[in-house]
Amino acid sequence: MPLLFNKEIENEIHFLIWNLTESLDDLLSLSQLSQDDTETYSEISHPQKQIEFLAGRLAIKKLCELESINFEGIVKDENGKPFLRNSGFEMSVSHTIDYIGVVFKEKSAIGIDIEKPRKQLLKIVPRLFNATEVAFIDNEIEKATLYWSAKEALYKLYGKRKVDFRENLFLEWENGKLFGQIKMPDYNARHEIIFFPLGQYLTVIAF
């Protein structure tokens, strides 16, 4: 798993991207899974999903190592949101066929999404975005990808189910920066969103 880059970006966001080149057998030989992870892995039947799971665990451990964060394993809450065990850092992970992205932020929720632009996203624009957002997208694949990824990152940051992307997540620009508003019965907050290209993909982080 060649490390593309590891850096700390604004507001103490620790960020790592792995280029996923290994086979499933390669990843199995590199992995030392906990009992919980072994049970989770045994429930995954699709080979690509198995690869993504193992690579994600290795990337999380690597970022902990690089940032001198004690790694005691990963736990999930009742909504399935992952956390580092006994750590003040919150985390988020995104998988693609080619890359694994991991972000940590201390004492604050965070979300990441990595997407490749594709025409299929244009078909679901009216279902996911309000009139202002649809007008901004203007049937452009790149803009649709950015807004889709931004809402995915917000969803991961919030970390709970029953979120309607059109009714509960809102995007707006201010002074050249993108922001997202999460409006749920138990949560109402505005978050900054940053984004940058990654080869043919787009990486988006909400914090």
N, C-alpha and C. Protein backbone atom coordinates (compact mmCIF):
# COMPACT_ATOMS: atom_id res chain seq x y z
N MET A 1 0.85 -1.20 0.00
CA MET A 1 0.00 0.00 0.00
C MET A 1 0.88 1.25 0.00
N PRO A 2 1.29 1.74 -1.16
CA PRO A 2 2.12 2.94 -1.21
C PRO A 2 1.41 4.13 -0.57
N LEU A 3 2.11 4.81 0.32
CA LEU A 3 1.57 5.99 0.99
C LEU A 3 1.70 7.17 0.05
N LEU A 4 0.56 7.72 -0.41
CA LEU A 4 0.61 8.87 -1.31
C LEU A 4 1.00 10.13 -0.55
N PHE A 5 0.29 10.41 0.54
CA PHE A 5 0.69 11.51 1.39
C PHE A 5 0.02 11.43 2.74
N ASN A 6 0.71 12.02 3.70
CA ASN A 6 0.21 12.16 5.06
C ASN A 6 0.54 13.58 5.50
N LYS A 7 -0.44 14.32 5.89
CA LYS A 7 -0.18 15.69 6.31
C LYS A 7 -1.24 16.15 7.28
N GLU A 8 -0.93 17.25 7.94
CA GLU A 8 -1.91 17.89 8.82
C GLU A 8 -2.41 19.12 8.11
N ILE A 9 -3.72 19.18 7.89
CA ILE A 9 -4.28 20.35 7.22
C ILE A 9 -5.00 21.21 8.24
N GLU A 10 -5.68 22.21 7.79
CA GLU A 10 -6.20 23.23 8.70
C GLU A 10 -7.03 22.65 9.84
N ASN A 11 -6.98 23.37 10.97
CA ASN A 11 -7.72 22.98 12.17
C ASN A 11 -7.32 21.60 12.68
N GLU A 12 -6.03 21.27 12.56
CA GLU A 12 -5.48 20.04 13.13
C GLU A 12 -6.18 18.78 12.63
N ILE A 13 -6.41 18.74 11.34
CA ILE A 13 -6.97 17.56 10.70
C ILE A 13 -5.81 16.70 10.20
N HIS A 14 -5.70 15.49 10.71
CA HIS A 14 -4.64 14.58 10.31
C HIS A 14 -5.18 13.68 9.20
N PHE A 15 -4.47 13.62 8.10
CA PHE A 15 -5.02 13.09 6.86
C PHE A 15 -4.02 12.17 6.18
N LEU A 16 -4.52 11.02 5.69
CA LEU A 16 -3.66 10.05 5.02
C LEU A 16 -4.39 9.45 3.82
N ILE A 17 -3.65 9.28 2.73
CA ILE A 17 -4.19 8.59 1.55
C ILE A 17 -3.24 7.45 1.17
N TRP A 18 -3.80 6.24 1.06
CA TRP A 18 -3.05 5.08 0.57
C TRP A 18 -3.49 4.78 -0.87
N ASN A 19 -2.53 4.44 -1.71
CA ASN A 19 -2.83 3.91 -3.03
C ASN A 19 -2.98 2.39 -2.88
N LEU A 20 -4.16 1.89 -3.14
CA LEU A 20 -4.46 0.48 -2.90
C LEU A 20 -4.03 -0.37 -4.09
N THR A 21 -2.92 -1.09 -3.94
CA THR A 21 -2.37 -1.89 -5.03
C THR A 21 -2.30 -3.38 -4.69
N GLU A 22 -2.50 -3.73 -3.41
CA GLU A 22 -2.33 -5.12 -2.98
C GLU A 22 -3.52 -6.02 -3.32
N SER A 23 -3.24 -7.29 -3.42
CA SER A 23 -4.29 -8.30 -3.57
C SER A 23 -4.85 -8.62 -2.19
N LEU A 24 -5.93 -9.38 -2.19
CA LEU A 24 -6.52 -9.80 -0.92
C LEU A 24 -5.52 -10.63 -0.11
N ASP A 25 -4.81 -11.54 -0.77
CA ASP A 25 -3.82 -12.36 -0.06
C ASP A 25 -2.71 -11.50 0.54
N ASP A 26 -2.29 -10.47 -0.21
CA ASP A 26 -1.26 -9.56 0.31
C ASP A 26 -1.74 -8.89 1.59
N LEU A 27 -2.96 -8.41 1.58
CA LEU A 27 -3.50 -7.68 2.73
C LEU A 27 -3.70 -8.61 3.92
N LEU A 28 -4.13 -9.83 3.65
CA LEU A 28 -4.29 -10.79 4.74
C LEU A 28 -2.95 -11.09 5.42
N SER A 29 -1.90 -11.16 4.63
CA SER A 29 -0.58 -11.43 5.20
C SER A 29 -0.06 -10.26 6.03
N LEU A 30 -0.52 -9.04 5.72
CA LEU A 30 -0.08 -7.85 6.43
C LEU A 30 -0.93 -7.55 7.67
N SER A 31 -2.12 -8.10 7.72
CA SER A 31 -3.09 -7.72 8.75
C SER A 31 -2.96 -8.56 10.01
N GLN A 32 -3.10 -7.90 11.14
CA GLN A 32 -3.22 -8.56 12.44
C GLN A 32 -4.54 -8.09 13.05
N LEU A 33 -5.59 -8.82 12.75
CA LEU A 33 -6.93 -8.39 13.13
C LEU A 33 -7.25 -8.75 14.57
N SER A 34 -7.97 -7.85 15.23
CA SER A 34 -8.48 -8.15 16.56
C SER A 34 -9.61 -9.16 16.44
N GLN A 35 -10.10 -9.66 17.55
CA GLN A 35 -11.20 -10.62 17.52
C GLN A 35 -12.44 -9.99 16.91
N ASP A 36 -12.71 -8.73 17.28
CA ASP A 36 -13.88 -8.03 16.72
C ASP A 36 -13.74 -7.86 15.22
N ASP A 37 -12.54 -7.46 14.77
CA ASP A 37 -12.32 -7.26 13.34
C ASP A 37 -12.39 -8.59 12.58
N THR A 38 -11.91 -9.66 13.20
CA THR A 38 -11.97 -10.97 12.58
C THR A 38 -13.42 -11.40 12.37
N GLU A 39 -14.26 -11.12 13.36
CA GLU A 39 -15.68 -11.45 13.25
C GLU A 39 -16.34 -10.62 12.15
N THR A 40 -15.99 -9.34 12.10
CA THR A 40 -16.55 -8.47 11.06
C THR A 40 -16.11 -8.93 9.68
N TYR A 41 -14.83 -9.25 9.56
CA TYR A 41 -14.29 -9.68 8.27
C TYR A 41 -14.97 -10.97 7.80
N SER A 42 -15.24 -11.87 8.71
CA SER A 42 -15.86 -13.14 8.34
C SER A 42 -17.27 -12.97 7.78
N GLU A 43 -17.90 -11.83 8.07
CA GLU A 43 -19.25 -11.57 7.59
C GLU A 43 -19.27 -10.88 6.22
N ILE A 44 -18.08 -10.52 5.71
CA ILE A 44 -17.99 -9.84 4.41
C ILE A 44 -17.72 -10.89 3.34
N SER A 45 -18.59 -11.00 2.36
CA SER A 45 -18.47 -12.05 1.35
C SER A 45 -17.85 -11.56 0.04
N HIS A 46 -18.01 -10.28 -0.27
CA HIS A 46 -17.52 -9.78 -1.56
C HIS A 46 -16.03 -9.49 -1.47
N PRO A 47 -15.21 -10.05 -2.39
CA PRO A 47 -13.75 -9.87 -2.32
C PRO A 47 -13.30 -8.41 -2.30
N GLN A 48 -13.93 -7.55 -3.10
CA GLN A 48 -13.51 -6.14 -3.11
C GLN A 48 -13.81 -5.47 -1.77
N LYS A 49 -14.94 -5.82 -1.16
CA LYS A 49 -15.27 -5.28 0.16
C LYS A 49 -14.30 -5.80 1.22
N GLN A 50 -13.87 -7.05 1.06
CA GLN A 50 -12.86 -7.59 1.98
C GLN A 50 -11.56 -6.81 1.86
N ILE A 51 -11.16 -6.51 0.63
CA ILE A 51 -9.94 -5.72 0.39
C ILE A 51 -10.06 -4.35 1.03
N GLU A 52 -11.21 -3.70 0.83
CA GLU A 52 -11.40 -2.36 1.38
C GLU A 52 -11.38 -2.38 2.90
N PHE A 53 -11.97 -3.40 3.49
CA PHE A 53 -11.98 -3.50 4.95
C PHE A 53 -10.57 -3.64 5.50
N LEU A 54 -9.81 -4.59 4.95
CA LEU A 54 -8.46 -4.83 5.44
C LEU A 54 -7.56 -3.62 5.20
N ALA A 55 -7.67 -3.03 4.02
CA ALA A 55 -6.85 -1.86 3.71
C ALA A 55 -7.20 -0.69 4.62
N GLY A 56 -8.49 -0.54 4.92
CA GLY A 56 -8.90 0.53 5.83
C GLY A 56 -8.30 0.38 7.21
N ARG A 57 -8.30 -0.85 7.71
CA ARG A 57 -7.72 -1.10 9.04
C ARG A 57 -6.22 -0.79 9.04
N LEU A 58 -5.52 -1.22 7.98
CA LEU A 58 -4.09 -0.95 7.89
C LEU A 58 -3.80 0.55 7.79
N ALA A 59 -4.63 1.27 7.03
CA ALA A 59 -4.43 2.71 6.88
C ALA A 59 -4.67 3.44 8.20
N ILE A 60 -5.68 3.03 8.95
CA ILE A 60 -5.95 3.64 10.25
C ILE A 60 -4.78 3.43 11.20
N LYS A 61 -4.28 2.20 11.24
CA LYS A 61 -3.12 1.91 12.10
C LYS A 61 -1.91 2.72 11.68
N LYS A 62 -1.71 2.88 10.37
CA LYS A 62 -0.56 3.64 9.88
C LYS A 62 -0.66 5.10 10.27
N LEU A 63 -1.84 5.68 10.16
CA LEU A 63 -2.00 7.09 10.54
C LEU A 63 -1.76 7.27 12.04
N CYS A 64 -2.23 6.32 12.84
CA CYS A 64 -1.95 6.38 14.28
C CYS A 64 -0.44 6.34 14.53
N GLU A 65 0.23 5.47 13.82
CA GLU A 65 1.69 5.35 13.97
C GLU A 65 2.39 6.65 13.59
N LEU A 66 1.99 7.23 12.45
CA LEU A 66 2.64 8.45 11.97
C LEU A 66 2.39 9.64 12.89
N GLU A 67 1.22 9.67 13.54
CA GLU A 67 0.86 10.79 14.39
C GLU A 67 1.10 10.50 15.87
N SER A 68 1.74 9.36 16.17
CA SER A 68 2.05 8.97 17.55
C SER A 68 0.78 8.89 18.41
N ILE A 69 -0.27 8.32 17.83
CA ILE A 69 -1.53 8.11 18.53
C ILE A 69 -1.61 6.64 18.93
N ASN A 70 -1.86 6.37 20.18
CA ASN A 70 -1.93 4.99 20.65
C ASN A 70 -3.13 4.28 20.04
N PHE A 71 -2.88 3.17 19.34
CA PHE A 71 -3.96 2.42 18.71
C PHE A 71 -4.34 1.23 19.56
N GLU A 72 -5.58 1.23 20.06
CA GLU A 72 -6.09 0.13 20.87
C GLU A 72 -7.24 -0.60 20.20
N GLY A 73 -7.43 -0.34 18.93
CA GLY A 73 -8.52 -0.99 18.22
C GLY A 73 -9.59 0.01 17.82
N ILE A 74 -10.62 -0.50 17.15
CA ILE A 74 -11.72 0.31 16.65
C ILE A 74 -13.04 -0.22 17.20
N VAL A 75 -13.88 0.67 17.65
CA VAL A 75 -15.21 0.31 18.12
C VAL A 75 -16.24 1.09 17.31
N LYS A 76 -17.46 0.57 17.28
CA LYS A 76 -18.55 1.26 16.58
C LYS A 76 -19.69 1.53 17.55
N ASP A 77 -20.34 2.68 17.36
CA ASP A 77 -21.49 2.99 18.21
C ASP A 77 -22.74 2.30 17.68
N GLU A 78 -23.89 2.62 18.27
CA GLU A 78 -25.12 1.94 17.89
C GLU A 78 -25.56 2.23 16.46
N ASN A 79 -24.98 3.29 15.86
CA ASN A 79 -25.31 3.63 14.48
C ASN A 79 -24.27 3.11 13.48
N GLY A 80 -23.27 2.41 13.99
CA GLY A 80 -22.23 1.87 13.12
C GLY A 80 -21.10 2.83 12.83
N LYS A 81 -21.06 3.99 13.50
CA LYS A 81 -19.98 4.95 13.28
C LYS A 81 -18.73 4.48 14.00
N PRO A 82 -17.57 4.42 13.29
CA PRO A 82 -16.35 3.90 13.92
C PRO A 82 -15.63 4.95 14.76
N PHE A 83 -14.99 4.50 15.83
CA PHE A 83 -14.18 5.36 16.70
C PHE A 83 -12.91 4.60 17.07
N LEU A 84 -11.85 5.35 17.34
CA LEU A 84 -10.66 4.76 17.92
C LEU A 84 -10.94 4.47 19.38
N ARG A 85 -10.65 3.27 19.82
CA ARG A 85 -10.90 2.89 21.21
C ARG A 85 -10.00 3.70 22.16
N ASN A 86 -10.63 4.24 23.20
CA ASN A 86 -9.91 4.98 24.25
C ASN A 86 -9.05 6.11 23.69
N SER A 87 -9.62 6.86 22.76
CA SER A 87 -8.88 7.97 22.15
C SER A 87 -9.74 9.22 22.08
N GLY A 88 -9.11 10.38 22.17
CA GLY A 88 -9.82 11.64 22.02
C GLY A 88 -9.98 12.06 20.58
N PHE A 89 -9.43 11.27 19.64
CA PHE A 89 -9.54 11.59 18.22
C PHE A 89 -10.76 10.92 17.61
N GLU A 90 -11.53 11.70 16.83
CA GLU A 90 -12.59 11.11 16.03
C GLU A 90 -12.03 10.85 14.64
N MET A 91 -12.69 9.98 13.89
CA MET A 91 -12.12 9.53 12.62
C MET A 91 -13.21 9.33 11.57
N SER A 92 -12.75 9.25 10.31
CA SER A 92 -13.63 8.91 9.20
C SER A 92 -12.77 8.25 8.13
N VAL A 93 -13.39 7.34 7.38
CA VAL A 93 -12.68 6.57 6.35
C VAL A 93 -13.50 6.56 5.07
N SER A 94 -12.81 6.61 3.93
CA SER A 94 -13.47 6.46 2.64
C SER A 94 -12.69 5.46 1.79
N HIS A 95 -13.41 4.55 1.11
CA HIS A 95 -12.78 3.52 0.29
C HIS A 95 -13.16 3.72 -1.18
N THR A 96 -12.20 3.50 -2.07
CA THR A 96 -12.49 3.33 -3.49
C THR A 96 -11.69 2.12 -3.96
N ILE A 97 -11.83 1.79 -5.23
CA ILE A 97 -11.04 0.68 -5.78
C ILE A 97 -9.55 1.02 -5.73
N ASP A 98 -9.22 2.30 -5.88
CA ASP A 98 -7.83 2.71 -6.01
C ASP A 98 -7.22 3.32 -4.75
N TYR A 99 -8.06 3.89 -3.87
CA TYR A 99 -7.52 4.64 -2.74
C TYR A 99 -8.28 4.35 -1.44
N ILE A 100 -7.55 4.54 -0.34
CA ILE A 100 -8.14 4.55 0.99
C ILE A 100 -7.79 5.89 1.62
N GLY A 101 -8.79 6.63 2.08
CA GLY A 101 -8.56 7.91 2.76
C GLY A 101 -8.98 7.81 4.21
N VAL A 102 -8.14 8.33 5.12
CA VAL A 102 -8.43 8.33 6.55
C VAL A 102 -8.17 9.73 7.09
N VAL A 103 -9.09 10.23 7.92
CA VAL A 103 -8.86 11.51 8.60
C VAL A 103 -9.15 11.36 10.09
N PHE A 104 -8.35 12.05 10.90
CA PHE A 104 -8.56 12.14 12.35
C PHE A 104 -8.71 13.61 12.72
N LYS A 105 -9.52 13.88 13.73
CA LYS A 105 -9.61 15.23 14.31
C LYS A 105 -9.86 15.06 15.80
N GLU A 106 -9.11 15.78 16.61
CA GLU A 106 -9.21 15.62 18.05
C GLU A 106 -10.45 16.32 18.60
N LYS A 107 -11.25 15.57 19.36
CA LYS A 107 -12.41 16.08 20.08
C LYS A 107 -13.43 16.78 19.18
N SER A 108 -13.51 16.34 17.95
CA SER A 108 -14.47 16.97 17.03
C SER A 108 -14.78 16.01 15.88
N ALA A 109 -16.05 15.90 15.53
CA ALA A 109 -16.46 15.00 14.46
C ALA A 109 -15.94 15.46 13.11
N ILE A 110 -15.76 14.50 12.22
CA ILE A 110 -15.20 14.78 10.89
C ILE A 110 -15.72 13.75 9.91
N GLY A 111 -15.76 14.10 8.63
CA GLY A 111 -16.20 13.16 7.61
C GLY A 111 -15.39 13.31 6.34
N ILE A 112 -15.13 12.20 5.66
CA ILE A 112 -14.39 12.21 4.39
C ILE A 112 -15.11 11.38 3.36
N ASP A 113 -15.01 11.81 2.10
CA ASP A 113 -15.55 11.01 0.99
C ASP A 113 -14.64 11.19 -0.22
N ILE A 114 -14.39 10.10 -0.92
CA ILE A 114 -13.60 10.12 -2.16
C ILE A 114 -14.47 9.54 -3.26
N GLU A 115 -14.67 10.30 -4.34
CA GLU A 115 -15.56 9.88 -5.41
C GLU A 115 -14.92 10.14 -6.77
N LYS A 116 -15.27 9.29 -7.72
CA LYS A 116 -14.88 9.51 -9.12
C LYS A 116 -16.09 10.11 -9.86
N PRO A 117 -15.92 11.23 -10.56
CA PRO A 117 -17.04 11.81 -11.31
C PRO A 117 -17.64 10.79 -12.28
N ARG A 118 -18.96 10.73 -12.30
CA ARG A 118 -19.64 9.81 -13.20
C ARG A 118 -21.02 10.35 -13.55
N LYS A 119 -21.47 10.04 -14.76
CA LYS A 119 -22.72 10.58 -15.29
C LYS A 119 -23.93 10.16 -14.47
N GLN A 120 -23.85 9.00 -13.83
CA GLN A 120 -25.00 8.49 -13.08
C GLN A 120 -25.46 9.45 -11.99
N LEU A 121 -24.53 10.25 -11.46
CA LEU A 121 -24.91 11.17 -10.40
C LEU A 121 -25.93 12.20 -10.86
N LEU A 122 -25.87 12.56 -12.13
CA LEU A 122 -26.80 13.58 -12.64
C LEU A 122 -28.25 13.10 -12.57
N LYS A 123 -28.47 11.78 -12.64
CA LYS A 123 -29.82 11.25 -12.62
C LYS A 123 -30.50 11.41 -11.25
N ILE A 124 -29.69 11.50 -10.18
CA ILE A 124 -30.28 11.56 -8.84
C ILE A 124 -30.21 12.96 -8.23
N VAL A 125 -29.75 13.93 -9.02
CA VAL A 125 -29.63 15.31 -8.52
C VAL A 125 -30.94 15.84 -7.94
N PRO A 126 -32.09 15.73 -8.64
CA PRO A 126 -33.33 16.29 -8.08
C PRO A 126 -33.76 15.66 -6.76
N ARG A 127 -33.36 14.42 -6.53
CA ARG A 127 -33.76 13.72 -5.31
C ARG A 127 -32.87 14.09 -4.11
N LEU A 128 -31.65 14.55 -4.39
CA LEU A 128 -30.69 14.79 -3.32
C LEU A 128 -30.46 16.26 -2.98
N PHE A 129 -30.85 17.15 -3.90
CA PHE A 129 -30.49 18.55 -3.72
C PHE A 129 -31.69 19.47 -3.86
N ASN A 130 -31.65 20.60 -3.12
CA ASN A 130 -32.73 21.57 -3.22
C ASN A 130 -32.55 22.44 -4.47
N ALA A 131 -33.50 23.36 -4.71
CA ALA A 131 -33.50 24.13 -5.95
C ALA A 131 -32.23 24.96 -6.12
N THR A 132 -31.75 25.57 -5.05
CA THR A 132 -30.52 26.38 -5.13
C THR A 132 -29.32 25.52 -5.49
N GLU A 133 -29.24 24.34 -4.88
CA GLU A 133 -28.12 23.44 -5.15
C GLU A 133 -28.20 22.89 -6.58
N VAL A 134 -29.40 22.57 -7.04
CA VAL A 134 -29.58 22.08 -8.41
C VAL A 134 -29.14 23.15 -9.41
N ALA A 135 -29.48 24.41 -9.11
CA ALA A 135 -29.10 25.50 -10.01
C ALA A 135 -27.58 25.64 -10.09
N PHE A 136 -26.90 25.45 -8.95
CA PHE A 136 -25.44 25.54 -8.95
C PHE A 136 -24.84 24.39 -9.77
N ILE A 137 -25.35 23.18 -9.59
CA ILE A 137 -24.83 22.02 -10.31
C ILE A 137 -24.98 22.19 -11.82
N ASP A 138 -26.14 22.70 -12.25
CA ASP A 138 -26.36 23.06 -13.65
C ASP A 138 -25.99 21.93 -14.62
N ASN A 139 -26.33 20.71 -14.22
CA ASN A 139 -26.13 19.52 -15.06
C ASN A 139 -24.65 19.27 -15.39
N GLU A 140 -23.74 19.71 -14.51
CA GLU A 140 -22.31 19.50 -14.71
C GLU A 140 -21.83 18.36 -13.79
N ILE A 141 -21.18 17.38 -14.37
CA ILE A 141 -20.76 16.18 -13.62
C ILE A 141 -19.82 16.54 -12.47
N GLU A 142 -18.88 17.42 -12.72
CA GLU A 142 -17.90 17.78 -11.68
C GLU A 142 -18.58 18.43 -10.49
N LYS A 143 -19.52 19.33 -10.75
CA LYS A 143 -20.23 19.99 -9.65
C LYS A 143 -21.14 19.01 -8.92
N ALA A 144 -21.78 18.12 -9.65
CA ALA A 144 -22.62 17.10 -9.02
C ALA A 144 -21.78 16.20 -8.12
N THR A 145 -20.58 15.86 -8.56
CA THR A 145 -19.68 15.02 -7.76
C THR A 145 -19.27 15.74 -6.49
N LEU A 146 -18.91 17.01 -6.61
CA LEU A 146 -18.52 17.78 -5.44
C LEU A 146 -19.66 17.85 -4.42
N TYR A 147 -20.86 18.15 -4.88
CA TYR A 147 -21.98 18.29 -3.94
C TYR A 147 -22.39 16.94 -3.35
N TRP A 148 -22.36 15.89 -4.15
CA TRP A 148 -22.66 14.56 -3.63
C TRP A 148 -21.65 14.17 -2.55
N SER A 149 -20.36 14.36 -2.84
CA SER A 149 -19.31 14.01 -1.88
C SER A 149 -19.40 14.87 -0.63
N ALA A 150 -19.74 16.13 -0.79
CA ALA A 150 -19.88 17.03 0.36
C ALA A 150 -20.98 16.54 1.29
N LYS A 151 -22.11 16.13 0.73
CA LYS A 151 -23.20 15.63 1.57
C LYS A 151 -22.86 14.27 2.17
N GLU A 152 -22.13 13.44 1.44
CA GLU A 152 -21.66 12.16 2.01
C GLU A 152 -20.74 12.42 3.20
N ALA A 153 -19.84 13.39 3.07
CA ALA A 153 -18.92 13.72 4.17
C ALA A 153 -19.68 14.26 5.37
N LEU A 154 -20.69 15.09 5.13
CA LEU A 154 -21.53 15.61 6.22
C LEU A 154 -22.28 14.48 6.92
N TYR A 155 -22.80 13.56 6.11
CA TYR A 155 -23.52 12.41 6.66
C TYR A 155 -22.62 11.57 7.56
N LYS A 156 -21.37 11.34 7.12
CA LYS A 156 -20.42 10.57 7.93
C LYS A 156 -20.05 11.34 9.20
N LEU A 157 -19.91 12.66 9.08
CA LEU A 157 -19.61 13.47 10.25
C LEU A 157 -20.71 13.35 11.28
N TYR A 158 -21.95 13.47 10.85
CA TYR A 158 -23.10 13.36 11.77
C TYR A 158 -23.17 11.96 12.37
N GLY A 159 -23.04 10.95 11.54
CA GLY A 159 -22.88 9.58 12.02
C GLY A 159 -24.12 8.87 12.48
N LYS A 160 -25.29 9.39 12.16
CA LYS A 160 -26.52 8.71 12.54
C LYS A 160 -27.37 8.45 11.31
N ARG A 161 -28.35 7.55 11.45
CA ARG A 161 -29.17 7.16 10.32
C ARG A 161 -30.37 8.10 10.14
N LYS A 162 -31.19 7.76 9.16
CA LYS A 162 -32.43 8.49 8.86
C LYS A 162 -32.17 9.94 8.47
N VAL A 163 -31.10 10.16 7.69
CA VAL A 163 -30.78 11.49 7.18
C VAL A 163 -31.26 11.58 5.73
N ASP A 164 -32.07 12.58 5.44
CA ASP A 164 -32.52 12.85 4.08
C ASP A 164 -31.57 13.90 3.49
N PHE A 165 -30.85 13.53 2.43
CA PHE A 165 -29.84 14.44 1.88
C PHE A 165 -30.45 15.76 1.40
N ARG A 166 -31.68 15.72 0.94
CA ARG A 166 -32.32 16.94 0.41
C ARG A 166 -32.94 17.77 1.53
N GLU A 167 -33.49 17.12 2.54
CA GLU A 167 -34.23 17.83 3.58
C GLU A 167 -33.40 18.16 4.82
N ASN A 168 -32.29 17.47 5.02
CA ASN A 168 -31.51 17.65 6.25
C ASN A 168 -30.09 18.17 6.05
N LEU A 169 -29.58 18.11 4.83
CA LEU A 169 -28.22 18.56 4.54
C LEU A 169 -28.25 19.66 3.49
N PHE A 170 -27.59 20.79 3.78
CA PHE A 170 -27.66 21.95 2.91
C PHE A 170 -26.26 22.50 2.64
N LEU A 171 -26.02 22.91 1.38
CA LEU A 171 -24.72 23.41 0.98
C LEU A 171 -24.83 24.86 0.52
N GLU A 172 -23.82 25.67 0.85
CA GLU A 172 -23.79 27.06 0.41
C GLU A 172 -22.35 27.56 0.36
N TRP A 173 -22.13 28.56 -0.47
CA TRP A 173 -20.81 29.17 -0.61
C TRP A 173 -20.78 30.50 0.13
N GLU A 174 -19.62 30.78 0.73
CA GLU A 174 -19.44 32.06 1.41
C GLU A 174 -17.97 32.47 1.27
N ASN A 175 -17.74 33.59 0.64
CA ASN A 175 -16.39 34.11 0.43
C ASN A 175 -15.47 33.07 -0.21
N GLY A 176 -16.01 32.34 -1.19
CA GLY A 176 -15.22 31.37 -1.92
C GLY A 176 -15.02 30.04 -1.22
N LYS A 177 -15.62 29.87 -0.04
CA LYS A 177 -15.52 28.61 0.70
C LYS A 177 -16.87 27.90 0.72
N LEU A 178 -16.82 26.56 0.75
CA LEU A 178 -18.04 25.77 0.79
C LEU A 178 -18.36 25.37 2.22
N PHE A 179 -19.62 25.52 2.61
CA PHE A 179 -20.07 25.15 3.95
C PHE A 179 -21.28 24.24 3.84
N GLY A 180 -21.45 23.39 4.86
CA GLY A 180 -22.60 22.51 4.91
C GLY A 180 -23.33 22.67 6.23
N GLN A 181 -24.65 22.70 6.15
CA GLN A 181 -25.49 22.79 7.34
C GLN A 181 -26.21 21.46 7.55
N ILE A 182 -26.07 20.91 8.75
CA ILE A 182 -26.80 19.70 9.12
C ILE A 182 -27.95 20.12 10.01
N LYS A 183 -29.18 19.80 9.59
CA LYS A 183 -30.36 20.16 10.37
C LYS A 183 -31.14 18.89 10.70
N MET A 184 -30.96 18.41 11.93
CA MET A 184 -31.65 17.23 12.42
C MET A 184 -32.31 17.58 13.75
N PRO A 185 -33.30 16.79 14.19
CA PRO A 185 -33.96 17.10 15.47
C PRO A 185 -32.99 17.22 16.65
N ASP A 186 -31.91 16.45 16.62
CA ASP A 186 -30.96 16.46 17.75
C ASP A 186 -29.66 17.17 17.42
N TYR A 187 -29.58 17.80 16.24
CA TYR A 187 -28.31 18.41 15.84
C TYR A 187 -28.57 19.47 14.78
N ASN A 188 -28.01 20.66 15.00
CA ASN A 188 -28.11 21.74 14.02
C ASN A 188 -26.80 22.52 14.05
N ALA A 189 -25.96 22.31 13.04
CA ALA A 189 -24.65 22.95 13.04
C ALA A 189 -24.14 23.15 11.62
N ARG A 190 -23.27 24.13 11.48
CA ARG A 190 -22.66 24.47 10.19
C ARG A 190 -21.20 24.01 10.20
N HIS A 191 -20.77 23.41 9.09
CA HIS A 191 -19.43 22.88 9.01
C HIS A 191 -18.74 23.33 7.73
N GLU A 192 -17.45 23.58 7.82
CA GLU A 192 -16.67 23.93 6.64
C GLU A 192 -16.35 22.67 5.85
N ILE A 193 -16.24 22.81 4.54
CA ILE A 193 -15.95 21.70 3.65
C ILE A 193 -14.77 22.07 2.75
N ILE A 194 -13.76 21.24 2.73
CA ILE A 194 -12.62 21.45 1.84
C ILE A 194 -12.55 20.30 0.84
N PHE A 195 -11.95 20.57 -0.32
CA PHE A 195 -11.91 19.54 -1.37
C PHE A 195 -10.71 19.76 -2.26
N PHE A 196 -10.23 18.67 -2.86
CA PHE A 196 -9.09 18.74 -3.76
C PHE A 196 -9.06 17.48 -4.62
N PRO A 197 -8.46 17.57 -5.82
CA PRO A 197 -8.40 16.42 -6.72
C PRO A 197 -7.41 15.37 -6.23
N LEU A 198 -7.70 14.12 -6.59
CA LEU A 198 -6.82 12.99 -6.28
C LEU A 198 -6.82 12.09 -7.51
N GLY A 199 -5.91 12.37 -8.46
CA GLY A 199 -5.95 11.65 -9.72
C GLY A 199 -7.27 11.91 -10.42
N GLN A 200 -7.99 10.84 -10.76
CA GLN A 200 -9.29 10.97 -11.40
C GLN A 200 -10.42 11.16 -10.39
N TYR A 201 -10.07 11.17 -9.11
CA TYR A 201 -11.07 11.26 -8.05
C TYR A 201 -11.11 12.66 -7.45
N LEU A 202 -12.11 12.87 -6.61
CA LEU A 202 -12.25 14.09 -5.83
C LEU A 202 -12.31 13.70 -4.35
N THR A 203 -11.51 14.36 -3.53
CA THR A 203 -11.52 14.11 -2.08
C THR A 203 -12.19 15.29 -1.38
N VAL A 204 -13.13 15.00 -0.50
CA VAL A 204 -13.89 16.02 0.21
C VAL A 204 -13.87 15.71 1.71
N ILE A 205 -13.60 16.74 2.52
CA ILE A 205 -13.58 16.58 3.97
C ILE A 205 -14.47 17.63 4.60
N ALA A 206 -15.36 17.20 5.49
CA ALA A 206 -16.24 18.10 6.24
C ALA A 206 -15.81 18.07 7.70
N PHE A 207 -15.74 19.27 8.32
CA PHE A 207 -15.28 19.33 9.72
C PHE A 207 -15.94 20.50 10.46
